[in-house]
Amino acid sequence: RLPFRKKAMLIELQLNHTQEIRPST
């Protein structure tokens, strides 16, 4: 999570492509 700005939030997500993900329900 980056610093808040004008009551707005920004998140940088680095996806892990080796991690096993449970399929969507």
mmCIF file of all heavy atoms, coordinates in Angstrom:
data_MODEL
# 
_entry.id   MODEL 
# 
loop_
_atom_site.group_PDB 
_atom_site.id 
_atom_site.type_symbol 
_atom_site.label_atom_id 
_atom_site.label_alt_id 
_atom_site.label_comp_id 
_atom_site.label_asym_id 
_atom_site.label_entity_id 
_atom_site.label_seq_id 
_atom_site.pdbx_PDB_ins_code 
_atom_site.Cartn_x 
_atom_site.Cartn_y 
_atom_site.Cartn_z 
_atom_site.occupancy 
_atom_site.B_iso_or_equiv 
_atom_site.pdbx_formal_charge 
_atom_site.auth_seq_id 
_atom_site.auth_comp_id 
_atom_site.auth_asym_id 
_atom_site.auth_atom_id 
_atom_site.pdbx_PDB_model_num 
ATOM 1   N N   . ARG A 1 1  ? 0.846   -1.191  0.000   1.00 0.00 ? 1  ARG A N   1 
ATOM 2   C CA  . ARG A 1 1  ? 0.000   0.000   0.000   1.00 0.00 ? 1  ARG A CA  1 
ATOM 3   C C   . ARG A 1 1  ? 0.879   1.236   0.000   1.00 0.00 ? 1  ARG A C   1 
ATOM 4   O O   . ARG A 1 1  ? 1.741   1.408   0.844   1.00 0.00 ? 1  ARG A O   1 
ATOM 5   C CB  . ARG A 1 1  ? -0.933  0.012   1.220   1.00 0.00 ? 1  ARG A CB  1 
ATOM 6   C CG  . ARG A 1 1  ? -1.825  1.249   1.260   1.00 0.00 ? 1  ARG A CG  1 
ATOM 7   C CD  . ARG A 1 1  ? -2.752  1.228   2.454   1.00 0.00 ? 1  ARG A CD  1 
ATOM 8   N NE  . ARG A 1 1  ? -2.045  1.197   3.725   1.00 0.00 ? 1  ARG A NE  1 
ATOM 9   C CZ  . ARG A 1 1  ? -1.447  2.231   4.300   1.00 0.00 ? 1  ARG A CZ  1 
ATOM 10  N NH1 . ARG A 1 1  ? -1.433  3.415   3.676   1.00 0.00 ? 1  ARG A NH1 1 
ATOM 11  N NH2 . ARG A 1 1  ? -0.841  2.105   5.448   1.00 0.00 ? 1  ARG A NH2 1 
ATOM 12  N N   . LEU A 1 2  ? 0.644   2.122   -0.961  1.00 0.00 ? 2  LEU A N   1 
ATOM 13  C CA  . LEU A 1 2  ? 1.393   3.369   -1.047  1.00 0.00 ? 2  LEU A CA  1 
ATOM 14  C C   . LEU A 1 2  ? 0.772   4.407   -0.109  1.00 0.00 ? 2  LEU A C   1 
ATOM 15  O O   . LEU A 1 2  ? -0.347  4.215   0.383   1.00 0.00 ? 2  LEU A O   1 
ATOM 16  C CB  . LEU A 1 2  ? 1.405   3.873   -2.488  1.00 0.00 ? 2  LEU A CB  1 
ATOM 17  C CG  . LEU A 1 2  ? 2.414   3.191   -3.426  1.00 0.00 ? 2  LEU A CG  1 
ATOM 18  C CD1 . LEU A 1 2  ? 1.990   1.766   -3.766  1.00 0.00 ? 2  LEU A CD1 1 
ATOM 19  C CD2 . LEU A 1 2  ? 2.598   3.978   -4.702  1.00 0.00 ? 2  LEU A CD2 1 
ATOM 20  N N   . PRO A 1 3  ? 1.463   5.531   0.137   1.00 0.00 ? 3  PRO A N   1 
ATOM 21  C CA  . PRO A 1 3  ? 0.900   6.555   1.037   1.00 0.00 ? 3  PRO A CA  1 
ATOM 22  C C   . PRO A 1 3  ? -0.445  7.063   0.537   1.00 0.00 ? 3  PRO A C   1 
ATOM 23  O O   . PRO A 1 3  ? -0.685  7.183   -0.668  1.00 0.00 ? 3  PRO A O   1 
ATOM 24  C CB  . PRO A 1 3  ? 1.962   7.663   0.993   1.00 0.00 ? 3  PRO A CB  1 
ATOM 25  C CG  . PRO A 1 3  ? 3.226   6.968   0.637   1.00 0.00 ? 3  PRO A CG  1 
ATOM 26  C CD  . PRO A 1 3  ? 2.828   5.870   -0.307  1.00 0.00 ? 3  PRO A CD  1 
ATOM 27  N N   . PHE A 1 4  ? -1.333  7.351   1.481   1.00 0.00 ? 4  PHE A N   1 
ATOM 28  C CA  . PHE A 1 4  ? -2.636  7.910   1.122   1.00 0.00 ? 4  PHE A CA  1 
ATOM 29  C C   . PHE A 1 4  ? -2.451  9.295   0.490   1.00 0.00 ? 4  PHE A C   1 
ATOM 30  O O   . PHE A 1 4  ? -1.530  10.040  0.829   1.00 0.00 ? 4  PHE A O   1 
ATOM 31  C CB  . PHE A 1 4  ? -3.528  8.044   2.355   1.00 0.00 ? 4  PHE A CB  1 
ATOM 32  C CG  . PHE A 1 4  ? -3.886  6.722   2.981   1.00 0.00 ? 4  PHE A CG  1 
ATOM 33  C CD1 . PHE A 1 4  ? -3.377  6.360   4.219   1.00 0.00 ? 4  PHE A CD1 1 
ATOM 34  C CD2 . PHE A 1 4  ? -4.743  5.844   2.334   1.00 0.00 ? 4  PHE A CD2 1 
ATOM 35  C CE1 . PHE A 1 4  ? -3.703  5.150   4.805   1.00 0.00 ? 4  PHE A CE1 1 
ATOM 36  C CE2 . PHE A 1 4  ? -5.079  4.627   2.908   1.00 0.00 ? 4  PHE A CE2 1 
ATOM 37  C CZ  . PHE A 1 4  ? -4.556  4.274   4.142   1.00 0.00 ? 4  PHE A CZ  1 
ATOM 38  N N   . ARG A 1 5  ? -3.372  9.634   -0.427  1.00 0.00 ? 5  ARG A N   1 
ATOM 39  C CA  . ARG A 1 5  ? -3.335  10.944  -1.050  1.00 0.00 ? 5  ARG A CA  1 
ATOM 40  C C   . ARG A 1 5  ? -4.758  11.432  -1.300  1.00 0.00 ? 5  ARG A C   1 
ATOM 41  O O   . ARG A 1 5  ? -5.525  10.780  -1.998  1.00 0.00 ? 5  ARG A O   1 
ATOM 42  C CB  . ARG A 1 5  ? -2.572  10.891  -2.383  1.00 0.00 ? 5  ARG A CB  1 
ATOM 43  C CG  . ARG A 1 5  ? -2.216  12.265  -2.927  1.00 0.00 ? 5  ARG A CG  1 
ATOM 44  C CD  . ARG A 1 5  ? -1.367  12.151  -4.179  1.00 0.00 ? 5  ARG A CD  1 
ATOM 45  N NE  . ARG A 1 5  ? -2.174  12.177  -5.383  1.00 0.00 ? 5  ARG A NE  1 
ATOM 46  C CZ  . ARG A 1 5  ? -1.678  12.198  -6.631  1.00 0.00 ? 5  ARG A CZ  1 
ATOM 47  N NH1 . ARG A 1 5  ? -0.363  12.142  -6.807  1.00 0.00 ? 5  ARG A NH1 1 
ATOM 48  N NH2 . ARG A 1 5  ? -2.464  12.234  -7.668  1.00 0.00 ? 5  ARG A NH2 1 
ATOM 49  N N   . LYS A 1 6  ? -5.115  12.562  -0.697  1.00 0.00 ? 6  LYS A N   1 
ATOM 50  C CA  . LYS A 1 6  ? -6.454  13.137  -0.848  1.00 0.00 ? 6  LYS A CA  1 
ATOM 51  C C   . LYS A 1 6  ? -7.542  12.103  -0.559  1.00 0.00 ? 6  LYS A C   1 
ATOM 52  O O   . LYS A 1 6  ? -8.522  11.976  -1.284  1.00 0.00 ? 6  LYS A O   1 
ATOM 53  C CB  . LYS A 1 6  ? -6.644  13.701  -2.260  1.00 0.00 ? 6  LYS A CB  1 
ATOM 54  C CG  . LYS A 1 6  ? -5.743  14.870  -2.602  1.00 0.00 ? 6  LYS A CG  1 
ATOM 55  C CD  . LYS A 1 6  ? -6.040  15.376  -4.007  1.00 0.00 ? 6  LYS A CD  1 
ATOM 56  C CE  . LYS A 1 6  ? -5.140  16.536  -4.385  1.00 0.00 ? 6  LYS A CE  1 
ATOM 57  N NZ  . LYS A 1 6  ? -5.418  17.006  -5.786  1.00 0.00 ? 6  LYS A NZ  1 
ATOM 58  N N   . LYS A 1 7  ? -7.327  11.330  0.492   1.00 0.00 ? 7  LYS A N   1 
ATOM 59  C CA  . LYS A 1 7  ? -8.274  10.292  0.932   1.00 0.00 ? 7  LYS A CA  1 
ATOM 60  C C   . LYS A 1 7  ? -8.414  9.161   -0.081  1.00 0.00 ? 7  LYS A C   1 
ATOM 61  O O   . LYS A 1 7  ? -9.397  8.415   -0.056  1.00 0.00 ? 7  LYS A O   1 
ATOM 62  C CB  . LYS A 1 7  ? -9.638  10.897  1.249   1.00 0.00 ? 7  LYS A CB  1 
ATOM 63  C CG  . LYS A 1 7  ? -9.615  11.943  2.357   1.00 0.00 ? 7  LYS A CG  1 
ATOM 64  C CD  . LYS A 1 7  ? -10.996 12.475  2.663   1.00 0.00 ? 7  LYS A CD  1 
ATOM 65  C CE  . LYS A 1 7  ? -10.933 13.511  3.777   1.00 0.00 ? 7  LYS A CE  1 
ATOM 66  N NZ  . LYS A 1 7  ? -12.280 14.078  4.088   1.00 0.00 ? 7  LYS A NZ  1 
ATOM 67  N N   . ALA A 1 8  ? -7.418  9.027   -0.955  1.00 0.00 ? 8  ALA A N   1 
ATOM 68  C CA  . ALA A 1 8  ? -7.402  7.949   -1.937  1.00 0.00 ? 8  ALA A CA  1 
ATOM 69  C C   . ALA A 1 8  ? -6.328  6.938   -1.585  1.00 0.00 ? 8  ALA A C   1 
ATOM 70  O O   . ALA A 1 8  ? -5.284  7.285   -1.026  1.00 0.00 ? 8  ALA A O   1 
ATOM 71  C CB  . ALA A 1 8  ? -7.163  8.499   -3.341  1.00 0.00 ? 8  ALA A CB  1 
ATOM 72  N N   . MET A 1 9  ? -6.571  5.678   -1.906  1.00 0.00 ? 9  MET A N   1 
ATOM 73  C CA  . MET A 1 9  ? -5.640  4.593   -1.637  1.00 0.00 ? 9  MET A CA  1 
ATOM 74  C C   . MET A 1 9  ? -5.139  4.007   -2.954  1.00 0.00 ? 9  MET A C   1 
ATOM 75  O O   . MET A 1 9  ? -5.892  3.877   -3.919  1.00 0.00 ? 9  MET A O   1 
ATOM 76  C CB  . MET A 1 9  ? -6.330  3.488   -0.824  1.00 0.00 ? 9  MET A CB  1 
ATOM 77  C CG  . MET A 1 9  ? -5.460  2.261   -0.547  1.00 0.00 ? 9  MET A CG  1 
ATOM 78  S SD  . MET A 1 9  ? -6.362  0.918   0.285   1.00 0.00 ? 9  MET A SD  1 
ATOM 79  C CE  . MET A 1 9  ? -6.610  1.654   1.908   1.00 0.00 ? 9  MET A CE  1 
ATOM 80  N N   . LEU A 1 10 ? -3.839  3.668   -2.976  1.00 0.00 ? 10 LEU A N   1 
ATOM 81  C CA  . LEU A 1 10 ? -3.244  3.011   -4.134  1.00 0.00 ? 10 LEU A CA  1 
ATOM 82  C C   . LEU A 1 10 ? -2.416  1.828   -3.646  1.00 0.00 ? 10 LEU A C   1 
ATOM 83  O O   . LEU A 1 10 ? -1.613  1.962   -2.718  1.00 0.00 ? 10 LEU A O   1 
ATOM 84  C CB  . LEU A 1 10 ? -2.360  3.986   -4.918  1.00 0.00 ? 10 LEU A CB  1 
ATOM 85  C CG  . LEU A 1 10 ? -1.728  3.465   -6.213  1.00 0.00 ? 10 LEU A CG  1 
ATOM 86  C CD1 . LEU A 1 10 ? -2.799  3.053   -7.208  1.00 0.00 ? 10 LEU A CD1 1 
ATOM 87  C CD2 . LEU A 1 10 ? -0.827  4.530   -6.825  1.00 0.00 ? 10 LEU A CD2 1 
ATOM 88  N N   . ILE A 1 11 ? -2.622  0.677   -4.265  1.00 0.00 ? 11 ILE A N   1 
ATOM 89  C CA  . ILE A 1 11 ? -1.916  -0.549  -3.900  1.00 0.00 ? 11 ILE A CA  1 
ATOM 90  C C   . ILE A 1 11 ? -1.223  -1.101  -5.138  1.00 0.00 ? 11 ILE A C   1 
ATOM 91  O O   . ILE A 1 11 ? -1.819  -1.161  -6.225  1.00 0.00 ? 11 ILE A O   1 
ATOM 92  C CB  . ILE A 1 11 ? -2.892  -1.606  -3.337  1.00 0.00 ? 11 ILE A CB  1 
ATOM 93  C CG1 . ILE A 1 11 ? -3.524  -1.102  -2.035  1.00 0.00 ? 11 ILE A CG1 1 
ATOM 94  C CG2 . ILE A 1 11 ? -2.177  -2.939  -3.102  1.00 0.00 ? 11 ILE A CG2 1 
ATOM 95  C CD1 . ILE A 1 11 ? -4.650  -1.978  -1.532  1.00 0.00 ? 11 ILE A CD1 1 
ATOM 96  N N   . GLU A 1 12 ? 0.047   -1.489  -4.976  1.00 0.00 ? 12 GLU A N   1 
ATOM 97  C CA  . GLU A 1 12 ? 0.780   -2.159  -6.055  1.00 0.00 ? 12 GLU A CA  1 
ATOM 98  C C   . GLU A 1 12 ? 0.886   -3.635  -5.706  1.00 0.00 ? 12 GLU A C   1 
ATOM 99  O O   . GLU A 1 12 ? 1.474   -4.009  -4.687  1.00 0.00 ? 12 GLU A O   1 
ATOM 100 C CB  . GLU A 1 12 ? 2.163   -1.546  -6.248  1.00 0.00 ? 12 GLU A CB  1 
ATOM 101 C CG  . GLU A 1 12 ? 2.929   -2.173  -7.402  1.00 0.00 ? 12 GLU A CG  1 
ATOM 102 C CD  . GLU A 1 12 ? 4.218   -1.439  -7.747  1.00 0.00 ? 12 GLU A CD  1 
ATOM 103 O OE1 . GLU A 1 12 ? 4.314   -0.225  -7.435  1.00 0.00 ? 12 GLU A OE1 1 
ATOM 104 O OE2 . GLU A 1 12 ? 5.126   -2.074  -8.318  1.00 0.00 ? 12 GLU A OE2 1 
ATOM 105 N N   . LEU A 1 13 ? 0.303   -4.465  -6.550  1.00 0.00 ? 13 LEU A N   1 
ATOM 106 C CA  . LEU A 1 13 ? 0.287   -5.909  -6.339  1.00 0.00 ? 13 LEU A CA  1 
ATOM 107 C C   . LEU A 1 13 ? 1.201   -6.580  -7.358  1.00 0.00 ? 13 LEU A C   1 
ATOM 108 O O   . LEU A 1 13 ? 1.034   -6.397  -8.564  1.00 0.00 ? 13 LEU A O   1 
ATOM 109 C CB  . LEU A 1 13 ? -1.144  -6.444  -6.489  1.00 0.00 ? 13 LEU A CB  1 
ATOM 110 C CG  . LEU A 1 13 ? -1.330  -7.966  -6.500  1.00 0.00 ? 13 LEU A CG  1 
ATOM 111 C CD1 . LEU A 1 13 ? -0.946  -8.569  -5.155  1.00 0.00 ? 13 LEU A CD1 1 
ATOM 112 C CD2 . LEU A 1 13 ? -2.776  -8.328  -6.853  1.00 0.00 ? 13 LEU A CD2 1 
ATOM 113 N N   . GLN A 1 14 ? 2.183   -7.332  -6.861  1.00 0.00 ? 14 GLN A N   1 
ATOM 114 C CA  . GLN A 1 14 ? 3.035   -8.141  -7.716  1.00 0.00 ? 14 GLN A CA  1 
ATOM 115 C C   . GLN A 1 14 ? 2.545   -9.586  -7.649  1.00 0.00 ? 14 GLN A C   1 
ATOM 116 O O   . GLN A 1 14 ? 2.616   -10.235 -6.613  1.00 0.00 ? 14 GLN A O   1 
ATOM 117 C CB  . GLN A 1 14 ? 4.504   -8.055  -7.265  1.00 0.00 ? 14 GLN A CB  1 
ATOM 118 C CG  . GLN A 1 14 ? 5.109   -6.659  -7.363  1.00 0.00 ? 14 GLN A CG  1 
ATOM 119 C CD  . GLN A 1 14 ? 5.169   -6.166  -8.797  1.00 0.00 ? 14 GLN A CD  1 
ATOM 120 O OE1 . GLN A 1 14 ? 5.410   -6.945  -9.724  1.00 0.00 ? 14 GLN A OE1 1 
ATOM 121 N NE2 . GLN A 1 14 ? 4.970   -4.862  -8.984  1.00 0.00 ? 14 GLN A NE2 1 
ATOM 122 N N   . LEU A 1 15 ? 1.996   -10.064 -8.759  1.00 0.00 ? 15 LEU A N   1 
ATOM 123 C CA  . LEU A 1 15 ? 1.398   -11.390 -8.770  1.00 0.00 ? 15 LEU A CA  1 
ATOM 124 C C   . LEU A 1 15 ? 2.461   -12.478 -8.732  1.00 0.00 ? 15 LEU A C   1 
ATOM 125 O O   . LEU A 1 15 ? 3.487   -12.393 -9.399  1.00 0.00 ? 15 LEU A O   1 
ATOM 126 C CB  . LEU A 1 15 ? 0.540   -11.553 -10.025 1.00 0.00 ? 15 LEU A CB  1 
ATOM 127 C CG  . LEU A 1 15 ? -0.703  -10.659 -10.108 1.00 0.00 ? 15 LEU A CG  1 
ATOM 128 C CD1 . LEU A 1 15 ? -1.404  -10.841 -11.450 1.00 0.00 ? 15 LEU A CD1 1 
ATOM 129 C CD2 . LEU A 1 15 ? -1.670  -10.961 -8.973  1.00 0.00 ? 15 LEU A CD2 1 
ATOM 130 N N   . ASN A 1 16 ? 2.192   -13.514 -7.945  1.00 0.00 ? 16 ASN A N   1 
ATOM 131 C CA  . ASN A 1 16 ? 3.081   -14.671 -7.831  1.00 0.00 ? 16 ASN A CA  1 
ATOM 132 C C   . ASN A 1 16 ? 2.530   -15.773 -8.734  1.00 0.00 ? 16 ASN A C   1 
ATOM 133 O O   . ASN A 1 16 ? 1.509   -16.371 -8.448  1.00 0.00 ? 16 ASN A O   1 
ATOM 134 C CB  . ASN A 1 16 ? 3.121   -15.144 -6.373  1.00 0.00 ? 16 ASN A CB  1 
ATOM 135 C CG  . ASN A 1 16 ? 4.093   -16.286 -6.166  1.00 0.00 ? 16 ASN A CG  1 
ATOM 136 O OD1 . ASN A 1 16 ? 4.494   -16.948 -7.117  1.00 0.00 ? 16 ASN A OD1 1 
ATOM 137 N ND2 . ASN A 1 16 ? 4.455   -16.531 -4.916  1.00 0.00 ? 16 ASN A ND2 1 
ATOM 138 N N   . HIS A 1 17 ? 3.216   -16.031 -9.835  1.00 0.00 ? 17 HIS A N   1 
ATOM 139 C CA  . HIS A 1 17 ? 2.714   -17.001 -10.809 1.00 0.00 ? 17 HIS A CA  1 
ATOM 140 C C   . HIS A 1 17 ? 3.094   -18.430 -10.465 1.00 0.00 ? 17 HIS A C   1 
ATOM 141 O O   . HIS A 1 17 ? 2.628   -19.368 -11.131 1.00 0.00 ? 17 HIS A O   1 
ATOM 142 C CB  . HIS A 1 17 ? 3.216   -16.638 -12.209 1.00 0.00 ? 17 HIS A CB  1 
ATOM 143 C CG  . HIS A 1 17 ? 2.586   -15.393 -12.750 1.00 0.00 ? 17 HIS A CG  1 
ATOM 144 N ND1 . HIS A 1 17 ? 1.370   -15.401 -13.382 1.00 0.00 ? 17 HIS A ND1 1 
ATOM 145 C CD2 . HIS A 1 17 ? 2.993   -14.089 -12.728 1.00 0.00 ? 17 HIS A CD2 1 
ATOM 146 C CE1 . HIS A 1 17 ? 1.046   -14.167 -13.741 1.00 0.00 ? 17 HIS A CE1 1 
ATOM 147 N NE2 . HIS A 1 17 ? 2.016   -13.352 -13.353 1.00 0.00 ? 17 HIS A NE2 1 
ATOM 148 N N   . THR A 1 18 ? 3.924   -18.625 -9.451  1.00 0.00 ? 18 THR A N   1 
ATOM 149 C CA  . THR A 1 18 ? 4.278   -19.989 -9.048  1.00 0.00 ? 18 THR A CA  1 
ATOM 150 C C   . THR A 1 18 ? 3.374   -20.487 -7.929  1.00 0.00 ? 18 THR A C   1 
ATOM 151 O O   . THR A 1 18 ? 3.326   -21.683 -7.665  1.00 0.00 ? 18 THR A O   1 
ATOM 152 C CB  . THR A 1 18 ? 5.742   -20.038 -8.572  1.00 0.00 ? 18 THR A CB  1 
ATOM 153 O OG1 . THR A 1 18 ? 5.901   -19.202 -7.409  1.00 0.00 ? 18 THR A OG1 1 
ATOM 154 C CG2 . THR A 1 18 ? 6.675   -19.557 -9.683  1.00 0.00 ? 18 THR A CG2 1 
ATOM 155 N N   . GLN A 1 19 ? 2.684   -19.588 -7.286  1.00 0.00 ? 19 GLN A N   1 
ATOM 156 C CA  . GLN A 1 19 ? 1.815   -19.946 -6.160  1.00 0.00 ? 19 GLN A CA  1 
ATOM 157 C C   . GLN A 1 19 ? 0.535   -20.598 -6.676  1.00 0.00 ? 19 GLN A C   1 
ATOM 158 O O   . GLN A 1 19 ? -0.102  -20.117 -7.606  1.00 0.00 ? 19 GLN A O   1 
ATOM 159 C CB  . GLN A 1 19 ? 1.478   -18.687 -5.360  1.00 0.00 ? 19 GLN A CB  1 
ATOM 160 C CG  . GLN A 1 19 ? 0.608   -18.899 -4.145  1.00 0.00 ? 19 GLN A CG  1 
ATOM 161 C CD  . GLN A 1 19 ? 0.381   -17.584 -3.420  1.00 0.00 ? 19 GLN A CD  1 
ATOM 162 O OE1 . GLN A 1 19 ? 1.121   -16.625 -3.599  1.00 0.00 ? 19 GLN A OE1 1 
ATOM 163 N NE2 . GLN A 1 19 ? -0.666  -17.536 -2.602  1.00 0.00 ? 19 GLN A NE2 1 
ATOM 164 N N   . GLU A 1 20 ? 0.160   -21.718 -6.064  1.00 0.00 ? 20 GLU A N   1 
ATOM 165 C CA  . GLU A 1 20 ? -1.063  -22.402 -6.463  1.00 0.00 ? 20 GLU A CA  1 
ATOM 166 C C   . GLU A 1 20 ? -2.271  -21.641 -5.898  1.00 0.00 ? 20 GLU A C   1 
ATOM 167 O O   . GLU A 1 20 ? -2.325  -21.339 -4.707  1.00 0.00 ? 20 GLU A O   1 
ATOM 168 C CB  . GLU A 1 20 ? -1.075  -23.844 -5.959  1.00 0.00 ? 20 GLU A CB  1 
ATOM 169 C CG  . GLU A 1 20 ? -2.274  -24.646 -6.439  1.00 0.00 ? 20 GLU A CG  1 
ATOM 170 C CD  . GLU A 1 20 ? -2.209  -26.100 -6.030  1.00 0.00 ? 20 GLU A CD  1 
ATOM 171 O OE1 . GLU A 1 20 ? -1.145  -26.527 -5.527  1.00 0.00 ? 20 GLU A OE1 1 
ATOM 172 O OE2 . GLU A 1 20 ? -3.220  -26.815 -6.196  1.00 0.00 ? 20 GLU A OE2 1 
ATOM 173 N N   . ILE A 1 21 ? -3.224  -21.333 -6.767  1.00 0.00 ? 21 ILE A N   1 
ATOM 174 C CA  . ILE A 1 21 ? -4.392  -20.557 -6.378  1.00 0.00 ? 21 ILE A CA  1 
ATOM 175 C C   . ILE A 1 21 ? -5.640  -21.434 -6.430  1.00 0.00 ? 21 ILE A C   1 
ATOM 176 O O   . ILE A 1 21 ? -5.863  -22.164 -7.401  1.00 0.00 ? 21 ILE A O   1 
ATOM 177 C CB  . ILE A 1 21 ? -4.595  -19.343 -7.311  1.00 0.00 ? 21 ILE A CB  1 
ATOM 178 C CG1 . ILE A 1 21 ? -3.356  -18.454 -7.302  1.00 0.00 ? 21 ILE A CG1 1 
ATOM 179 C CG2 . ILE A 1 21 ? -5.825  -18.543 -6.913  1.00 0.00 ? 21 ILE A CG2 1 
ATOM 180 C CD1 . ILE A 1 21 ? -3.058  -17.828 -5.968  1.00 0.00 ? 21 ILE A CD1 1 
ATOM 181 N N   . ARG A 1 22 ? -6.437  -21.353 -5.383  1.00 0.00 ? 22 ARG A N   1 
ATOM 182 C CA  . ARG A 1 22 ? -7.691  -22.100 -5.373  1.00 0.00 ? 22 ARG A CA  1 
ATOM 183 C C   . ARG A 1 22 ? -8.621  -21.543 -6.447  1.00 0.00 ? 22 ARG A C   1 
ATOM 184 O O   . ARG A 1 22 ? -8.808  -20.340 -6.565  1.00 0.00 ? 22 ARG A O   1 
ATOM 185 C CB  . ARG A 1 22 ? -8.352  -21.972 -3.997  1.00 0.00 ? 22 ARG A CB  1 
ATOM 186 C CG  . ARG A 1 22 ? -9.616  -22.806 -3.842  1.00 0.00 ? 22 ARG A CG  1 
ATOM 187 C CD  . ARG A 1 22 ? -10.094 -22.772 -2.409  1.00 0.00 ? 22 ARG A CD  1 
ATOM 188 N NE  . ARG A 1 22 ? -10.368 -21.416 -1.969  1.00 0.00 ? 22 ARG A NE  1 
ATOM 189 C CZ  . ARG A 1 22 ? -10.676 -21.073 -0.711  1.00 0.00 ? 22 ARG A CZ  1 
ATOM 190 N NH1 . ARG A 1 22 ? -10.706 -21.996 0.222   1.00 0.00 ? 22 ARG A NH1 1 
ATOM 191 N NH2 . ARG A 1 22 ? -10.922 -19.821 -0.416  1.00 0.00 ? 22 ARG A NH2 1 
ATOM 192 N N   . PRO A 1 23 ? -9.219  -22.408 -7.269  1.00 0.00 ? 23 PRO A N   1 
ATOM 193 C CA  . PRO A 1 23 ? -10.079 -21.916 -8.363  1.00 0.00 ? 23 PRO A CA  1 
ATOM 194 C C   . PRO A 1 23 ? -11.306 -21.179 -7.830  1.00 0.00 ? 23 PRO A C   1 
ATOM 195 O O   . PRO A 1 23 ? -11.751 -21.400 -6.700  1.00 0.00 ? 23 PRO A O   1 
ATOM 196 C CB  . PRO A 1 23 ? -10.465 -23.201 -9.103  1.00 0.00 ? 23 PRO A CB  1 
ATOM 197 C CG  . PRO A 1 23 ? -10.281 -24.305 -8.109  1.00 0.00 ? 23 PRO A CG  1 
ATOM 198 C CD  . PRO A 1 23 ? -9.143  -23.873 -7.237  1.00 0.00 ? 23 PRO A CD  1 
ATOM 199 N N   . SER A 1 24 ? -11.842 -20.307 -8.651  1.00 0.00 ? 24 SER A N   1 
ATOM 200 C CA  . SER A 1 24 ? -13.012 -19.526 -8.273  1.00 0.00 ? 24 SER A CA  1 
ATOM 201 C C   . SER A 1 24 ? -14.210 -20.434 -8.021  1.00 0.00 ? 24 SER A C   1 
ATOM 202 O O   . SER A 1 24 ? -14.373 -21.469 -8.677  1.00 0.00 ? 24 SER A O   1 
ATOM 203 C CB  . SER A 1 24 ? -13.357 -18.523 -9.377  1.00 0.00 ? 24 SER A CB  1 
ATOM 204 O OG  . SER A 1 24 ? -14.591 -17.886 -9.106  1.00 0.00 ? 24 SER A OG  1 
ATOM 205 N N   . THR A 1 25 ? -15.042 -20.057 -7.069  1.00 0.00 ? 25 THR A N   1 
ATOM 206 C CA  . THR A 1 25 ? -16.262 -20.816 -6.775  1.00 0.00 ? 25 THR A CA  1 
ATOM 207 C C   . THR A 1 25 ? -17.428 -20.341 -7.622  1.00 0.00 ? 25 THR A C   1 
ATOM 208 O O   . THR A 1 25 ? -18.541 -20.858 -7.487  1.00 0.00 ? 25 THR A O   1 
ATOM 209 C CB  . THR A 1 25 ? -16.630 -20.681 -5.293  1.00 0.00 ? 25 THR A CB  1 
ATOM 210 O OG1 . THR A 1 25 ? -16.775 -19.285 -4.961  1.00 0.00 ? 25 THR A OG1 1 
ATOM 211 C CG2 . THR A 1 25 ? -15.550 -21.276 -4.413  1.00 0.00 ? 25 THR A CG2 1 
# 
